[in-house]
Amino acid sequence: MTFYLILINIFLVITGQALAKSGISKIGSFTDMPIKEFLLKALFSPFVIAGFILYFFSALIWFMVLSKVDLSVAYPALSLGYVAVLIVSYYFLGESITLVKVAGVLLICSGVYLIFAK
């Protein structure tokens, strides 16, 4: 059950990140406008707001995870999200997947495997 909560948490965080990135991309760079204007636009962006809402729910689920699992196990498990971020970034945000990125993700997955191996 706890592993599924970790996966749900990862899903919510990644979805929140993708929504926030989409919202911020529509606004533009903070170097192109005064910082106050950028922050106000970000705070009122529907995508950014949705991202924050997902972060909130992911935090609630994270509290449930921490009540059952050692932090030294639970936190590294979140690294599995790097795999999903690579895929989501490619398919939904048009970012590239390079051999170096794939190698990095494989190293992270290997480390998570070692942490969970008994």
PDB file of N, CA and C in Angstrom:
ATOM      1  N   MET A   1       0.830  -1.209   0.000  1.00  0.00           N
ATOM      2  CA  MET A   1       0.000   0.000   0.000  1.00  0.00           C
ATOM      3  C   MET A   1       0.868   1.265   0.000  1.00  0.00           C
ATOM      4  N   THR A   2       1.926   1.265   0.818  1.00  0.00           N
ATOM      5  CA  THR A   2       2.786   2.439   0.904  1.00  0.00           C
ATOM      6  C   THR A   2       3.481   2.716  -0.419  1.00  0.00           C
ATOM      7  N   PHE A   3       3.899   1.651  -1.114  1.00  0.00           N
ATOM      8  CA  PHE A   3       4.550   1.836  -2.408  1.00  0.00           C
ATOM      9  C   PHE A   3       3.599   2.523  -3.384  1.00  0.00           C
ATOM     10  N   TYR A   4       2.329   2.175  -3.348  1.00  0.00           N
ATOM     11  CA  TYR A   4       1.350   2.809  -4.231  1.00  0.00           C
ATOM     12  C   TYR A   4       1.158   4.282  -3.868  1.00  0.00           C
ATOM     13  N   LEU A   5       1.221   4.591  -2.589  1.00  0.00           N
ATOM     14  CA  LEU A   5       1.135   5.996  -2.175  1.00  0.00           C
ATOM     15  C   LEU A   5       2.336   6.782  -2.694  1.00  0.00           C
ATOM     16  N   ILE A   6       3.505   6.157  -2.679  1.00  0.00           N
ATOM     17  CA  ILE A   6       4.694   6.811  -3.228  1.00  0.00           C
ATOM     18  C   ILE A   6       4.506   7.057  -4.722  1.00  0.00           C
ATOM     19  N   LEU A   7       3.968   6.081  -5.426  1.00  0.00           N
ATOM     20  CA  LEU A   7       3.734   6.250  -6.866  1.00  0.00           C
ATOM     21  C   LEU A   7       2.708   7.345  -7.136  1.00  0.00           C
ATOM     22  N   ILE A   8       1.659   7.405  -6.327  1.00  0.00           N
ATOM     23  CA  ILE A   8       0.656   8.462  -6.482  1.00  0.00           C
ATOM     24  C   ILE A   8       1.299   9.817  -6.232  1.00  0.00           C
ATOM     25  N   ASN A   9       2.130   9.887  -5.194  1.00  0.00           N
ATOM     26  CA  ASN A   9       2.840  11.122  -4.887  1.00  0.00           C
ATOM     27  C   ASN A   9       3.699  11.550  -6.068  1.00  0.00           C
ATOM     28  N   ILE A  10       4.449  10.624  -6.631  1.00  0.00           N
ATOM     29  CA  ILE A  10       5.295  10.923  -7.788  1.00  0.00           C
ATOM     30  C   ILE A  10       4.448  11.435  -8.951  1.00  0.00           C
ATOM     31  N   PHE A  11       3.330  10.764  -9.211  1.00  0.00           N
ATOM     32  CA  PHE A  11       2.439  11.180 -10.301  1.00  0.00           C
ATOM     33  C   PHE A  11       1.946  12.609 -10.086  1.00  0.00           C
ATOM     34  N   LEU A  12       1.527  12.928  -8.866  1.00  0.00           N
ATOM     35  CA  LEU A  12       1.009  14.268  -8.580  1.00  0.00           C
ATOM     36  C   LEU A  12       2.100  15.329  -8.726  1.00  0.00           C
ATOM     37  N   VAL A  13       3.290  15.019  -8.248  1.00  0.00           N
ATOM     38  CA  VAL A  13       4.393  15.978  -8.346  1.00  0.00           C
ATOM     39  C   VAL A  13       4.765  16.228  -9.805  1.00  0.00           C
ATOM     40  N   ILE A  14       4.878  15.157 -10.582  1.00  0.00           N
ATOM     41  CA  ILE A  14       5.262  15.309 -11.990  1.00  0.00           C
ATOM     42  C   ILE A  14       4.183  16.054 -12.768  1.00  0.00           C
ATOM     43  N   THR A  15       2.945  15.713 -12.537  1.00  0.00           N
ATOM     44  CA  THR A  15       1.852  16.397 -13.219  1.00  0.00           C
ATOM     45  C   THR A  15       1.831  17.870 -12.825  1.00  0.00           C
ATOM     46  N   GLY A  16       2.042  18.140 -11.537  1.00  0.00           N
ATOM     47  CA  GLY A  16       2.110  19.523 -11.070  1.00  0.00           C
ATOM     48  C   GLY A  16       3.256  20.285 -11.721  1.00  0.00           C
ATOM     49  N   GLN A  17       4.415  19.636 -11.841  1.00  0.00           N
ATOM     50  CA  GLN A  17       5.562  20.271 -12.491  1.00  0.00           C
ATOM     51  C   GLN A  17       5.268  20.565 -13.963  1.00  0.00           C
ATOM     52  N   ALA A  18       4.676  19.592 -14.654  1.00  0.00           N
ATOM     53  CA  ALA A  18       4.368  19.779 -16.079  1.00  0.00           C
ATOM     54  C   ALA A  18       3.360  20.910 -16.274  1.00  0.00           C
ATOM     55  N   LEU A  19       2.358  20.977 -15.413  1.00  0.00           N
ATOM     56  CA  LEU A  19       1.381  22.061 -15.503  1.00  0.00           C
ATOM     57  C   LEU A  19       2.036  23.412 -15.229  1.00  0.00           C
ATOM     58  N   ALA A  20       2.868  23.459 -14.189  1.00  0.00           N
ATOM     59  CA  ALA A  20       3.548  24.708 -13.859  1.00  0.00           C
ATOM     60  C   ALA A  20       4.461  25.143 -15.007  1.00  0.00           C
ATOM     61  N   LYS A  21       5.197  24.210 -15.584  1.00  0.00           N
ATOM     62  CA  LYS A  21       6.078  24.527 -16.714  1.00  0.00           C
ATOM     63  C   LYS A  21       5.267  25.052 -17.902  1.00  0.00           C
ATOM     64  N   SER A  22       4.125  24.423 -18.178  1.00  0.00           N
ATOM     65  CA  SER A  22       3.272  24.895 -19.275  1.00  0.00           C
ATOM     66  C   SER A  22       2.785  26.314 -19.015  1.00  0.00           C
ATOM     67  N   GLY A  23       2.349  26.559 -17.795  1.00  0.00           N
ATOM     68  CA  GLY A  23       1.866  27.893 -17.442  1.00  0.00           C
ATOM     69  C   GLY A  23       2.955  28.940 -17.520  1.00  0.00           C
ATOM     70  N   ILE A  24       4.115  28.614 -17.000  1.00  0.00           N
ATOM     71  CA  ILE A  24       5.234  29.557 -17.015  1.00  0.00           C
ATOM     72  C   ILE A  24       5.708  29.802 -18.446  1.00  0.00           C
ATOM     73  N   SER A  25       5.695  28.758 -19.267  1.00  0.00           N
ATOM     74  CA  SER A  25       6.128  28.921 -20.667  1.00  0.00           C
ATOM     75  C   SER A  25       5.220  29.887 -21.418  1.00  0.00           C
ATOM     76  N   LYS A  26       3.951  29.903 -21.068  1.00  0.00           N
ATOM     77  CA  LYS A  26       3.012  30.819 -21.721  1.00  0.00           C
ATOM     78  C   LYS A  26       3.249  32.271 -21.273  1.00  0.00           C
ATOM     79  N   ILE A  27       3.760  32.429 -20.056  1.00  0.00           N
ATOM     80  CA  ILE A  27       4.008  33.773 -19.520  1.00  0.00           C
ATOM     81  C   ILE A  27       5.270  34.378 -20.126  1.00  0.00           C
ATOM     82  N   GLY A  28       6.304  33.576 -20.221  1.00  0.00           N
ATOM     83  CA  GLY A  28       7.594  34.064 -20.703  1.00  0.00           C
ATOM     84  C   GLY A  28       8.614  34.036 -19.577  1.00  0.00           C
ATOM     85  N   SER A  29       9.791  34.497 -19.884  1.00  0.00           N
ATOM     86  CA  SER A  29      10.890  34.464 -18.921  1.00  0.00           C
ATOM     87  C   SER A  29      10.800  35.641 -17.954  1.00  0.00           C
ATOM     88  N   PHE A  30      11.232  35.419 -16.731  1.00  0.00           N
ATOM     89  CA  PHE A  30      11.216  36.495 -15.751  1.00  0.00           C
ATOM     90  C   PHE A  30      12.248  37.579 -16.093  1.00  0.00           C
ATOM     91  N   THR A  31      13.172  37.279 -16.993  1.00  0.00           N
ATOM     92  CA  THR A  31      14.143  38.300 -17.400  1.00  0.00           C
ATOM     93  C   THR A  31      13.579  39.230 -18.468  1.00  0.00           C
ATOM     94  N   ASP A  32      12.408  38.886 -19.023  1.00  0.00           N
ATOM     95  CA  ASP A  32      11.795  39.699 -20.071  1.00  0.00           C
ATOM     96  C   ASP A  32      10.835  40.760 -19.530  1.00  0.00           C
ATOM     97  N   MET A  33      10.626  40.761 -18.219  1.00  0.00           N
ATOM     98  CA  MET A  33       9.664  41.704 -17.626  1.00  0.00           C
ATOM     99  C   MET A  33      10.067  41.956 -16.179  1.00  0.00           C
ATOM    100  N   PRO A  34       9.484  42.954 -15.567  1.00  0.00           N
ATOM    101  CA  PRO A  34       9.771  43.163 -14.141  1.00  0.00           C
ATOM    102  C   PRO A  34       9.350  41.935 -13.329  1.00  0.00           C
ATOM    103  N   ILE A  35      10.120  41.602 -12.311  1.00  0.00           N
ATOM    104  CA  ILE A  35       9.878  40.395 -11.517  1.00  0.00           C
ATOM    105  C   ILE A  35       8.482  40.405 -10.895  1.00  0.00           C
ATOM    106  N   LYS A  36       8.021  41.558 -10.466  1.00  0.00           N
ATOM    107  CA  LYS A  36       6.686  41.655  -9.863  1.00  0.00           C
ATOM    108  C   LYS A  36       5.605  41.272 -10.871  1.00  0.00           C
ATOM    109  N   GLU A  37       5.748  41.747 -12.097  1.00  0.00           N
ATOM    110  CA  GLU A  37       4.788  41.410 -13.153  1.00  0.00           C
ATOM    111  C   GLU A  37       4.816  39.911 -13.449  1.00  0.00           C
ATOM    112  N   PHE A  38       6.021  39.365 -13.529  1.00  0.00           N
ATOM    113  CA  PHE A  38       6.160  37.925 -13.789  1.00  0.00           C
ATOM    114  C   PHE A  38       5.473  37.107 -12.693  1.00  0.00           C
ATOM    115  N   LEU A  39       5.739  37.460 -11.444  1.00  0.00           N
ATOM    116  CA  LEU A  39       5.156  36.706 -10.328  1.00  0.00           C
ATOM    117  C   LEU A  39       3.639  36.828 -10.292  1.00  0.00           C
ATOM    118  N   LEU A  40       3.127  38.008 -10.570  1.00  0.00           N
ATOM    119  CA  LEU A  40       1.668  38.175 -10.595  1.00  0.00           C
ATOM    120  C   LEU A  40       1.034  37.349 -11.703  1.00  0.00           C
ATOM    121  N   LYS A  41       1.654  37.351 -12.881  1.00  0.00           N
ATOM    122  CA  LYS A  41       1.136  36.534 -13.975  1.00  0.00           C
ATOM    123  C   LYS A  41       1.186  35.051 -13.606  1.00  0.00           C
ATOM    124  N   ALA A  42       2.266  34.631 -12.974  1.00  0.00           N
ATOM    125  CA  ALA A  42       2.416  33.222 -12.579  1.00  0.00           C
ATOM    126  C   ALA A  42       1.357  32.837 -11.547  1.00  0.00           C
ATOM    127  N   LEU A  43       1.132  33.720 -10.579  1.00  0.00           N
ATOM    128  CA  LEU A  43       0.163  33.413  -9.520  1.00  0.00           C
ATOM    129  C   LEU A  43      -1.263  33.294 -10.034  1.00  0.00           C
ATOM    130  N   PHE A  44      -1.559  33.950 -11.158  1.00  0.00           N
ATOM    131  CA  PHE A  44      -2.912  33.914 -11.698  1.00  0.00           C
ATOM    132  C   PHE A  44      -3.049  33.026 -12.936  1.00  0.00           C
ATOM    133  N   SER A  45      -1.993  32.310 -13.262  1.00  0.00           N
ATOM    134  CA  SER A  45      -2.053  31.376 -14.379  1.00  0.00           C
ATOM    135  C   SER A  45      -2.815  30.123 -13.960  1.00  0.00           C
ATOM    136  N   PRO A  46      -3.843  29.729 -14.715  1.00  0.00           N
ATOM    137  CA  PRO A  46      -4.598  28.523 -14.356  1.00  0.00           C
ATOM    138  C   PRO A  46      -3.717  27.267 -14.273  1.00  0.00           C
ATOM    139  N   PHE A  47      -2.720  27.178 -15.151  1.00  0.00           N
ATOM    140  CA  PHE A  47      -1.840  26.006 -15.123  1.00  0.00           C
ATOM    141  C   PHE A  47      -0.968  25.998 -13.868  1.00  0.00           C
ATOM    142  N   VAL A  48      -0.460  27.153 -13.505  1.00  0.00           N
ATOM    143  CA  VAL A  48       0.377  27.247 -12.304  1.00  0.00           C
ATOM    144  C   VAL A  48      -0.470  26.969 -11.067  1.00  0.00           C
ATOM    145  N   ILE A  49      -1.658  27.498 -11.033  1.00  0.00           N
ATOM    146  CA  ILE A  49      -2.566  27.250  -9.900  1.00  0.00           C
ATOM    147  C   ILE A  49      -2.868  25.752  -9.782  1.00  0.00           C
ATOM    148  N   ALA A  50      -3.163  25.114 -10.914  1.00  0.00           N
ATOM    149  CA  ALA A  50      -3.424  23.670 -10.902  1.00  0.00           C
ATOM    150  C   ALA A  50      -2.197  22.910 -10.399  1.00  0.00           C
ATOM    151  N   GLY A  51      -1.018  23.350 -10.810  1.00  0.00           N
ATOM    152  CA  GLY A  51       0.207  22.721 -10.330  1.00  0.00           C
ATOM    153  C   GLY A  51       0.343  22.828  -8.819  1.00  0.00           C
ATOM    154  N   PHE A  52       0.062  24.007  -8.269  1.00  0.00           N
ATOM    155  CA  PHE A  52       0.114  24.192  -6.818  1.00  0.00           C
ATOM    156  C   PHE A  52      -0.888  23.290  -6.099  1.00  0.00           C
ATOM    157  N   ILE A  53      -2.065  23.160  -6.649  1.00  0.00           N
ATOM    158  CA  ILE A  53      -3.083  22.300  -6.035  1.00  0.00           C
ATOM    159  C   ILE A  53      -2.593  20.848  -5.985  1.00  0.00           C
ATOM    160  N   LEU A  54      -1.993  20.399  -7.082  1.00  0.00           N
ATOM    161  CA  LEU A  54      -1.461  19.032  -7.095  1.00  0.00           C
ATOM    162  C   LEU A  54      -0.322  18.873  -6.094  1.00  0.00           C
ATOM    163  N   TYR A  55       0.518  19.901  -5.960  1.00  0.00           N
ATOM    164  CA  TYR A  55       1.584  19.859  -4.945  1.00  0.00           C
ATOM    165  C   TYR A  55       0.994  19.717  -3.552  1.00  0.00           C
ATOM    166  N   PHE A  56      -0.082  20.441  -3.284  1.00  0.00           N
ATOM    167  CA  PHE A  56      -0.729  20.374  -1.979  1.00  0.00           C
ATOM    168  C   PHE A  56      -1.183  18.943  -1.677  1.00  0.00           C
ATOM    169  N   PHE A  57      -1.860  18.322  -2.638  1.00  0.00           N
ATOM    170  CA  PHE A  57      -2.322  16.951  -2.417  1.00  0.00           C
ATOM    171  C   PHE A  57      -1.157  15.967  -2.332  1.00  0.00           C
ATOM    172  N   SER A  58      -0.109  16.228  -3.081  1.00  0.00           N
ATOM    173  CA  SER A  58       1.063  15.348  -2.989  1.00  0.00           C
ATOM    174  C   SER A  58       1.697  15.458  -1.601  1.00  0.00           C
ATOM    175  N   ALA A  59       1.670  16.652  -1.016  1.00  0.00           N
ATOM    176  CA  ALA A  59       2.212  16.822   0.341  1.00  0.00           C
ATOM    177  C   ALA A  59       1.397  16.026   1.357  1.00  0.00           C
ATOM    178  N   LEU A  60       0.086  16.025   1.211  1.00  0.00           N
ATOM    179  CA  LEU A  60      -0.763  15.251   2.121  1.00  0.00           C
ATOM    180  C   LEU A  60      -0.454  13.761   2.013  1.00  0.00           C
ATOM    181  N   ILE A  61      -0.301  13.286   0.805  1.00  0.00           N
ATOM    182  CA  ILE A  61       0.035  11.868   0.604  1.00  0.00           C
ATOM    183  C   ILE A  61       1.429  11.579   1.151  1.00  0.00           C
ATOM    184  N   TRP A  62       2.354  12.522   0.964  1.00  0.00           N
ATOM    185  CA  TRP A  62       3.711  12.351   1.478  1.00  0.00           C
ATOM    186  C   TRP A  62       3.711  12.187   2.995  1.00  0.00           C
ATOM    187  N   PHE A  63       2.856  12.924   3.684  1.00  0.00           N
ATOM    188  CA  PHE A  63       2.741  12.778   5.141  1.00  0.00           C
ATOM    189  C   PHE A  63       2.303  11.368   5.497  1.00  0.00           C
ATOM    190  N   MET A  64       1.385  10.818   4.723  1.00  0.00           N
ATOM    191  CA  MET A  64       0.938   9.440   4.962  1.00  0.00           C
ATOM    192  C   MET A  64       2.097   8.462   4.754  1.00  0.00           C
ATOM    193  N   VAL A  65       2.876   8.688   3.701  1.00  0.00           N
ATOM    194  CA  VAL A  65       4.029   7.822   3.429  1.00  0.00           C
ATOM    195  C   VAL A  65       5.013   7.885   4.590  1.00  0.00           C
ATOM    196  N   LEU A  66       5.324   9.102   5.041  1.00  0.00           N
ATOM    197  CA  LEU A  66       6.302   9.260   6.119  1.00  0.00           C
ATOM    198  C   LEU A  66       5.844   8.632   7.429  1.00  0.00           C
ATOM    199  N   SER A  67       4.538   8.481   7.587  1.00  0.00           N
ATOM    200  CA  SER A  67       4.044   7.847   8.808  1.00  0.00           C
ATOM    201  C   SER A  67       4.300   6.340   8.816  1.00  0.00           C
ATOM    202  N   LYS A  68       4.624   5.780   7.635  1.00  0.00           N
ATOM    203  CA  LYS A  68       4.803   4.327   7.510  1.00  0.00           C
ATOM    204  C   LYS A  68       6.223   3.897   7.161  1.00  0.00           C
ATOM    205  N   VAL A  69       7.010   4.780   6.520  1.00  0.00           N
ATOM    206  CA  VAL A  69       8.290   4.379   5.944  1.00  0.00           C
ATOM    207  C   VAL A  69       9.394   5.297   6.459  1.00  0.00           C
ATOM    208  N   ASP A  70      10.578   4.740   6.658  1.00  0.00           N
ATOM    209  CA  ASP A  70      11.734   5.553   7.025  1.00  0.00           C
ATOM    210  C   ASP A  70      12.017   6.562   5.921  1.00  0.00           C
ATOM    211  N   LEU A  71      12.395   7.752   6.315  1.00  0.00           N
ATOM    212  CA  LEU A  71      12.716   8.795   5.349  1.00  0.00           C
ATOM    213  C   LEU A  71      13.873   8.364   4.451  1.00  0.00           C
ATOM    214  N   SER A  72      14.806   7.609   5.005  1.00  0.00           N
ATOM    215  CA  SER A  72      15.969   7.160   4.231  1.00  0.00           C
ATOM    216  C   SER A  72      15.591   6.180   3.129  1.00  0.00           C
ATOM    217  N   VAL A  73      14.396   5.640   3.184  1.00  0.00           N
ATOM    218  CA  VAL A  73      13.883   4.762   2.126  1.00  0.00           C
ATOM    219  C   VAL A  73      12.896   5.527   1.245  1.00  0.00           C
ATOM    220  N   ALA A  74      11.993   6.269   1.862  1.00  0.00           N
ATOM    221  CA  ALA A  74      10.932   6.949   1.116  1.00  0.00           C
ATOM    222  C   ALA A  74      11.480   8.035   0.184  1.00  0.00           C
ATOM    223  N   TYR A  75      12.391   8.839   0.684  1.00  0.00           N
ATOM    224  CA  TYR A  75      12.860   9.961  -0.134  1.00  0.00           C
ATOM    225  C   TYR A  75      13.604   9.513  -1.382  1.00  0.00           C
ATOM    226  N   PRO A  76      14.527   8.562  -1.278  1.00  0.00           N
ATOM    227  CA  PRO A  76      15.170   8.091  -2.513  1.00  0.00           C
ATOM    228  C   PRO A  76      14.184   7.468  -3.504  1.00  0.00           C
ATOM    229  N   ALA A  77      13.081   6.916  -3.002  1.00  0.00           N
ATOM    230  CA  ALA A  77      12.080   6.337  -3.905  1.00  0.00           C
ATOM    231  C   ALA A  77      11.481   7.393  -4.817  1.00  0.00           C
ATOM    232  N   LEU A  78      11.456   8.637  -4.361  1.00  0.00           N
ATOM    233  CA  LEU A  78      10.943   9.721  -5.204  1.00  0.00           C
ATOM    234  C   LEU A  78      11.800   9.920  -6.441  1.00  0.00           C
ATOM    235  N   SER A  79      13.025   9.429  -6.408  1.00  0.00           N
ATOM    236  CA  SER A  79      13.910   9.542  -7.570  1.00  0.00           C
ATOM    237  C   SER A  79      13.362   8.801  -8.775  1.00  0.00           C
ATOM    238  N   LEU A  80      12.459   7.872  -8.549  1.00  0.00           N
ATOM    239  CA  LEU A  80      11.821   7.193  -9.680  1.00  0.00           C
ATOM    240  C   LEU A  80      11.063   8.188 -10.550  1.00  0.00           C
ATOM    241  N   GLY A  81      10.722   9.301  -9.968  1.00  0.00           N
ATOM    242  CA  GLY A  81      10.053  10.348 -10.729  1.00  0.00           C
ATOM    243  C   GLY A  81      10.904  10.902 -11.857  1.00  0.00           C
ATOM    244  N   TYR A  82      12.230  10.784 -11.740  1.00  0.00           N
ATOM    245  CA  TYR A  82      13.098  11.275 -12.809  1.00  0.00           C
ATOM    246  C   TYR A  82      12.838  10.537 -14.115  1.00  0.00           C
ATOM    247  N   VAL A  83      12.518   9.260 -14.012  1.00  0.00           N
ATOM    248  CA  VAL A  83      12.206   8.475 -15.206  1.00  0.00           C
ATOM    249  C   VAL A  83      10.958   9.046 -15.869  1.00  0.00           C
ATOM    250  N   ALA A  84       9.938   9.252 -15.077  1.00  0.00           N
ATOM    251  CA  ALA A  84       8.675   9.762 -15.607  1.00  0.00           C
ATOM    252  C   ALA A  84       8.827  11.185 -16.127  1.00  0.00           C
ATOM    253  N   VAL A  85       9.636  12.010 -15.449  1.00  0.00           N
ATOM    254  CA  VAL A  85       9.844  13.383 -15.909  1.00  0.00           C
ATOM    255  C   VAL A  85      10.495  13.395 -17.281  1.00  0.00           C
ATOM    256  N   LEU A  86      11.446  12.506 -17.501  1.00  0.00           N
ATOM    257  CA  LEU A  86      12.105  12.416 -18.797  1.00  0.00           C
ATOM    258  C   LEU A  86      11.081  12.116 -19.897  1.00  0.00           C
ATOM    259  N   ILE A  87      10.189  11.180 -19.616  1.00  0.00           N
ATOM    260  CA  ILE A  87       9.171  10.777 -20.595  1.00  0.00           C
ATOM    261  C   ILE A  87       8.128  11.882 -20.800  1.00  0.00           C
ATOM    262  N   VAL A  88       7.625  12.440 -19.703  1.00  0.00           N
ATOM    263  CA  VAL A  88       6.618  13.506 -19.788  1.00  0.00           C
ATOM    264  C   VAL A  88       7.201  14.725 -20.499  1.00  0.00           C
ATOM    265  N   SER A  89       8.434  15.069 -20.168  1.00  0.00           N
ATOM    266  CA  SER A  89       9.069  16.231 -20.801  1.00  0.00           C
ATOM    267  C   SER A  89       9.217  16.040 -22.305  1.00  0.00           C
ATOM    268  N   TYR A  90       9.498  14.827 -22.697  1.00  0.00           N
ATOM    269  CA  TYR A  90       9.658  14.528 -24.126  1.00  0.00           C
ATOM    270  C   TYR A  90       8.313  14.606 -24.855  1.00  0.00           C
ATOM    271  N   TYR A  91       7.317  13.892 -24.338  1.00  0.00           N
ATOM    272  CA  TYR A  91       6.039  13.785 -25.046  1.00  0.00           C
ATOM    273  C   TYR A  91       5.151  15.012 -24.917  1.00  0.00           C
ATOM    274  N   PHE A  92       5.171  15.677 -23.767  1.00  0.00           N
ATOM    275  CA  PHE A  92       4.222  16.761 -23.549  1.00  0.00           C
ATOM    276  C   PHE A  92       4.834  18.152 -23.620  1.00  0.00           C
ATOM    277  N   LEU A  93       6.157  18.253 -23.405  1.00  0.00           N
ATOM    278  CA  LEU A  93       6.789  19.563 -23.415  1.00  0.00           C
ATOM    279  C   LEU A  93       7.768  19.738 -24.576  1.00  0.00           C
ATOM    280  N   GLY A  94       7.945  18.679 -25.370  1.00  0.00           N
ATOM    281  CA  GLY A  94       8.804  18.764 -26.539  1.00  0.00           C
ATOM    282  C   GLY A  94      10.295  18.841 -26.248  1.00  0.00           C
ATOM    283  N   GLU A  95      10.699  18.403 -25.064  1.00  0.00           N
ATOM    284  CA  GLU A  95      12.113  18.430 -24.714  1.00  0.00           C
ATOM    285  C   GLU A  95      12.817  17.201 -25.281  1.00  0.00           C
ATOM    286  N   SER A  96      14.123  17.279 -25.417  1.00  0.00           N
ATOM    287  CA  SER A  96      14.871  16.181 -26.027  1.00  0.00           C
ATOM    288  C   SER A  96      15.300  15.145 -24.987  1.00  0.00           C
ATOM    289  N   ILE A  97      15.464  13.917 -25.453  1.00  0.00           N
ATOM    290  CA  ILE A  97      16.029  12.849 -24.639  1.00  0.00           C
ATOM    291  C   ILE A  97      17.387  12.520 -25.235  1.00  0.00           C
ATOM    292  N   THR A  98      18.421  12.693 -24.427  1.00  0.00           N
ATOM    293  CA  THR A  98      19.775  12.409 -24.889  1.00  0.00           C
ATOM    294  C   THR A  98      20.293  11.146 -24.212  1.00  0.00           C
ATOM    295  N   LEU A  99      21.347  10.612 -24.758  1.00  0.00           N
ATOM    296  CA  LEU A  99      21.973   9.424 -24.183  1.00  0.00           C
ATOM    297  C   LEU A  99      22.463   9.713 -22.759  1.00  0.00           C
ATOM    298  N   VAL A 100      22.963  10.904 -22.529  1.00  0.00           N
ATOM    299  CA  VAL A 100      23.442  11.275 -21.192  1.00  0.00           C
ATOM    300  C   VAL A 100      22.280  11.293 -20.196  1.00  0.00           C
ATOM    301  N   LYS A 101      21.135  11.822 -20.604  1.00  0.00           N
ATOM    302  CA  LYS A 101      19.961  11.846 -19.721  1.00  0.00           C
ATOM    303  C   LYS A 101      19.510  10.422 -19.398  1.00  0.00           C
ATOM    304  N   VAL A 102      19.473   9.570 -20.405  1.00  0.00           N
ATOM    305  CA  VAL A 102      19.072   8.171 -20.196  1.00  0.00           C
ATOM    306  C   VAL A 102      20.054   7.478 -19.254  1.00  0.00           C
ATOM    307  N   ALA A 103      21.348   7.693 -19.451  1.00  0.00           N
ATOM    308  CA  ALA A 103      22.356   7.082 -18.580  1.00  0.00           C
ATOM    309  C   ALA A 103      22.180   7.563 -17.139  1.00  0.00           C
ATOM    310  N   GLY A 104      21.911   8.845 -16.962  1.00  0.00           N
ATOM    311  CA  GLY A 104      21.689   9.384 -15.624  1.00  0.00           C
ATOM    312  C   GLY A 104      20.480   8.763 -14.948  1.00  0.00           C
ATOM    313  N   VAL A 105      19.406   8.624 -15.689  1.00  0.00           N
ATOM    314  CA  VAL A 105      18.187   8.017 -15.141  1.00  0.00           C
ATOM    315  C   VAL A 105      18.435   6.549 -14.770  1.00  0.00           C
ATOM    316  N   LEU A 106      19.186   5.834 -15.605  1.00  0.00           N
ATOM    317  CA  LEU A 106      19.507   4.436 -15.292  1.00  0.00           C
ATOM    318  C   LEU A 106      20.350   4.324 -14.027  1.00  0.00           C
ATOM    319  N   LEU A 107      21.272   5.250 -13.833  1.00  0.00           N
ATOM    320  CA  LEU A 107      22.069   5.251 -12.599  1.00  0.00           C
ATOM    321  C   LEU A 107      21.194   5.511 -11.378  1.00  0.00           C
ATOM    322  N   ILE A 108      20.272   6.451 -11.515  1.00  0.00           N
ATOM    323  CA  ILE A 108      19.350   6.753 -10.417  1.00  0.00           C
ATOM    324  C   ILE A 108      18.504   5.527 -10.086  1.00  0.00           C
ATOM    325  N   CYS A 109      17.960   4.878 -11.102  1.00  0.00           N
ATOM    326  CA  CYS A 109      17.136   3.684 -10.892  1.00  0.00           C
ATOM    327  C   CYS A 109      17.948   2.576 -10.216  1.00  0.00           C
ATOM    328  N   SER A 110      19.194   2.447 -10.606  1.00  0.00           N
ATOM    329  CA  SER A 110      20.056   1.439  -9.980  1.00  0.00           C
ATOM    330  C   SER A 110      20.230   1.735  -8.494  1.00  0.00           C
ATOM    331  N   GLY A 111      20.419   2.988  -8.175  1.00  0.00           N
ATOM    332  CA  GLY A 111      20.561   3.380  -6.777  1.00  0.00           C
ATOM    333  C   GLY A 111      19.298   3.113  -5.972  1.00  0.00           C
ATOM    334  N   VAL A 112      18.144   3.420  -6.546  1.00  0.00           N
ATOM    335  CA  VAL A 112      16.869   3.163  -5.859  1.00  0.00           C
ATOM    336  C   VAL A 112      16.692   1.662  -5.652  1.00  0.00           C
ATOM    337  N   TYR A 113      17.050   0.877  -6.648  1.00  0.00           N
ATOM    338  CA  TYR A 113      16.973  -0.582  -6.513  1.00  0.00           C
ATOM    339  C   TYR A 113      17.826  -1.059  -5.343  1.00  0.00           C
ATOM    340  N   LEU A 114      19.036  -0.535  -5.238  1.00  0.00           N
ATOM    341  CA  LEU A 114      19.926  -0.955  -4.153  1.00  0.00           C
ATOM    342  C   LEU A 114      19.375  -0.583  -2.788  1.00  0.00           C
ATOM    343  N   ILE A 115      18.712   0.561  -2.699  1.00  0.00           N
ATOM    344  CA  ILE A 115      18.121   0.982  -1.426  1.00  0.00           C
ATOM    345  C   ILE A 115      16.992   0.050  -1.016  1.00  0.00           C
ATOM    346  N   PHE A 116      16.199  -0.407  -1.991  1.00  0.00           N
ATOM    347  CA  PHE A 116      15.065  -1.272  -1.679  1.00  0.00           C
ATOM    348  C   PHE A 116      15.446  -2.750  -1.579  1.00  0.00           C
ATOM    349  N   ALA A 117      16.612  -3.126  -2.103  1.00  0.00           N
ATOM    350  CA  ALA A 117      17.048  -4.520  -2.039  1.00  0.00           C
ATOM    351  C   ALA A 117      17.356  -4.886  -0.586  1.00  0.00           C
ATOM    352  N   LYS A 118      16.950  -6.061  -0.218  1.00  0.00           N
ATOM    353  CA  LYS A 118      17.184  -6.487   1.173  1.00  0.00           C
ATOM    354  C   LYS A 118      18.208  -7.550   1.253  1.00  0.00           C
TER     355      LYS A 118
END
